[in-house]
């Protein structure tokens, strides 16, 4: 939790952490996740962050056609 807050993120704790319907949330580096426990929300945030990173790499990396044109 401290790492999230110290790096400019938001960490939302449920009012009653032991309630059956309690939801946790993390918003950090433009990635938002909601989970049913602290560990669950961390795992979901990490998965979403990895997906966002891979999507960003795909958007900025050259396509095969662009690479072939660069070699010619």
C-alpha atoms as a PDB file:
ATOM      1  CA  UNK A   1       0.000   0.000   0.000  1.00  0.00           C
ATOM      2  CA  UNK A   2       2.759   2.484   0.881  1.00  0.00           C
ATOM      3  CA  UNK A   3       4.502   1.900  -2.446  1.00  0.00           C
ATOM      4  CA  UNK A   4       1.321   2.740  -4.344  1.00  0.00           C
ATOM      5  CA  UNK A   5       0.758   5.973  -2.425  1.00  0.00           C
ATOM      6  CA  UNK A   6       4.435   7.007  -2.487  1.00  0.00           C
ATOM      7  CA  UNK A   7       4.520   6.748  -6.294  1.00  0.00           C
ATOM      8  CA  UNK A   8       1.407   8.864  -6.845  1.00  0.00           C
ATOM      9  CA  UNK A   9      -1.207   6.138  -6.941  1.00  0.00           C
ATOM     10  CA  UNK A  10      -4.408   5.582  -5.027  1.00  0.00           C
ATOM     11  CA  UNK A  11      -5.181   2.612  -2.805  1.00  0.00           C
ATOM     12  CA  UNK A  12      -8.808   2.195  -1.802  1.00  0.00           C
ATOM     13  CA  UNK A  13      -9.551   0.124   1.284  1.00  0.00           C
ATOM     14  CA  UNK A  14     -13.073  -1.114   1.941  1.00  0.00           C
ATOM     15  CA  UNK A  15     -14.696   0.359   5.073  1.00  0.00           C
ATOM     16  CA  UNK A  16     -15.227  -3.147   6.447  1.00  0.00           C
ATOM     17  CA  UNK A  17     -12.366  -5.317   5.234  1.00  0.00           C
ATOM     18  CA  UNK A  18     -13.992  -8.476   6.570  1.00  0.00           C
ATOM     19  CA  UNK A  19     -17.362  -7.990   4.888  1.00  0.00           C
ATOM     20  CA  UNK A  20     -18.267 -10.620   2.319  1.00  0.00           C
ATOM     21  CA  UNK A  21     -18.836  -7.992  -0.384  1.00  0.00           C
ATOM     22  CA  UNK A  22     -15.770  -5.834   0.415  1.00  0.00           C
ATOM     23  CA  UNK A  23     -13.897  -4.516  -2.616  1.00  0.00           C
ATOM     24  CA  UNK A  24     -10.332  -3.222  -2.752  1.00  0.00           C
ATOM     25  CA  UNK A  25      -9.008  -0.988  -5.533  1.00  0.00           C
ATOM     26  CA  UNK A  26      -5.666   0.265  -6.830  1.00  0.00           C
ATOM     27  CA  UNK A  27      -5.093   3.039  -9.359  1.00  0.00           C
ATOM     28  CA  UNK A  28      -1.443   3.502 -10.321  1.00  0.00           C
ATOM     29  CA  UNK A  29       0.357   4.595 -13.508  1.00  0.00           C
ATOM     30  CA  UNK A  30      -2.929   4.822 -15.401  1.00  0.00           C
ATOM     31  CA  UNK A  31      -3.949   1.271 -14.507  1.00  0.00           C
ATOM     32  CA  UNK A  32      -7.015   0.584 -12.347  1.00  0.00           C
ATOM     33  CA  UNK A  33      -8.015  -2.716 -10.760  1.00  0.00           C
ATOM     34  CA  UNK A  34     -10.679  -3.913  -8.328  1.00  0.00           C
ATOM     35  CA  UNK A  35     -10.481  -7.106  -6.280  1.00  0.00           C
ATOM     36  CA  UNK A  36     -12.157  -9.001  -3.477  1.00  0.00           C
ATOM     37  CA  UNK A  37      -9.085  -9.005  -1.226  1.00  0.00           C
ATOM     38  CA  UNK A  38      -5.805  -7.162  -0.961  1.00  0.00           C
ATOM     39  CA  UNK A  39      -3.884  -9.984  -2.632  1.00  0.00           C
ATOM     40  CA  UNK A  40      -6.554 -10.345  -5.322  1.00  0.00           C
ATOM     41  CA  UNK A  41      -6.469  -6.654  -6.273  1.00  0.00           C
ATOM     42  CA  UNK A  42      -2.662  -6.662  -6.386  1.00  0.00           C
ATOM     43  CA  UNK A  43      -2.685  -9.657  -8.729  1.00  0.00           C
ATOM     44  CA  UNK A  44      -5.357  -8.086 -10.931  1.00  0.00           C
ATOM     45  CA  UNK A  45      -3.485  -4.758 -11.050  1.00  0.00           C
ATOM     46  CA  UNK A  46      -0.251  -6.514 -12.008  1.00  0.00           C
ATOM     47  CA  UNK A  47      -2.004  -8.450 -14.790  1.00  0.00           C
ATOM     48  CA  UNK A  48      -3.667  -5.273 -16.094  1.00  0.00           C
ATOM     49  CA  UNK A  49      -0.373  -3.360 -15.936  1.00  0.00           C
ATOM     50  CA  UNK A  50       1.436  -6.076 -17.906  1.00  0.00           C
ATOM     51  CA  UNK A  51      -1.316  -6.045 -20.540  1.00  0.00           C
ATOM     52  CA  UNK A  52      -1.145  -2.247 -20.793  1.00  0.00           C
ATOM     53  CA  UNK A  53       2.627  -2.429 -21.182  1.00  0.00           C
ATOM     54  CA  UNK A  54       2.390  -5.039 -23.941  1.00  0.00           C
ATOM     55  CA  UNK A  55      -0.312  -3.028 -25.736  1.00  0.00           C
ATOM     56  CA  UNK A  56       1.843   0.094 -25.581  1.00  0.00           C
ATOM     57  CA  UNK A  57       4.803  -1.822 -27.015  1.00  0.00           C
ATOM     58  CA  UNK A  58       2.669  -3.144 -29.876  1.00  0.00           C
ATOM     59  CA  UNK A  59       1.412   0.346 -30.673  1.00  0.00           C
ATOM     60  CA  UNK A  60       4.909   1.822 -30.801  1.00  0.00           C
ATOM     61  CA  UNK A  61       6.880  -1.022 -32.389  1.00  0.00           C
ATOM     62  CA  UNK A  62       7.263  -1.093 -36.176  1.00  0.00           C
ATOM     63  CA  UNK A  63       5.282  -3.622 -38.191  1.00  0.00           C
ATOM     64  CA  UNK A  64       6.902  -6.241 -40.372  1.00  0.00           C
ATOM     65  CA  UNK A  65       6.183  -4.193 -43.499  1.00  0.00           C
ATOM     66  CA  UNK A  66       7.823  -1.134 -41.973  1.00  0.00           C
ATOM     67  CA  UNK A  67      10.880  -3.186 -41.076  1.00  0.00           C
ATOM     68  CA  UNK A  68      11.118  -4.590 -44.613  1.00  0.00           C
ATOM     69  CA  UNK A  69      10.908  -1.066 -46.019  1.00  0.00           C
ATOM     70  CA  UNK A  70      13.663   0.103 -43.698  1.00  0.00           C
ATOM     71  CA  UNK A  71      16.011  -2.632 -44.948  1.00  0.00           C
ATOM     72  CA  UNK A  72      15.447  -1.847 -48.634  1.00  0.00           C
END
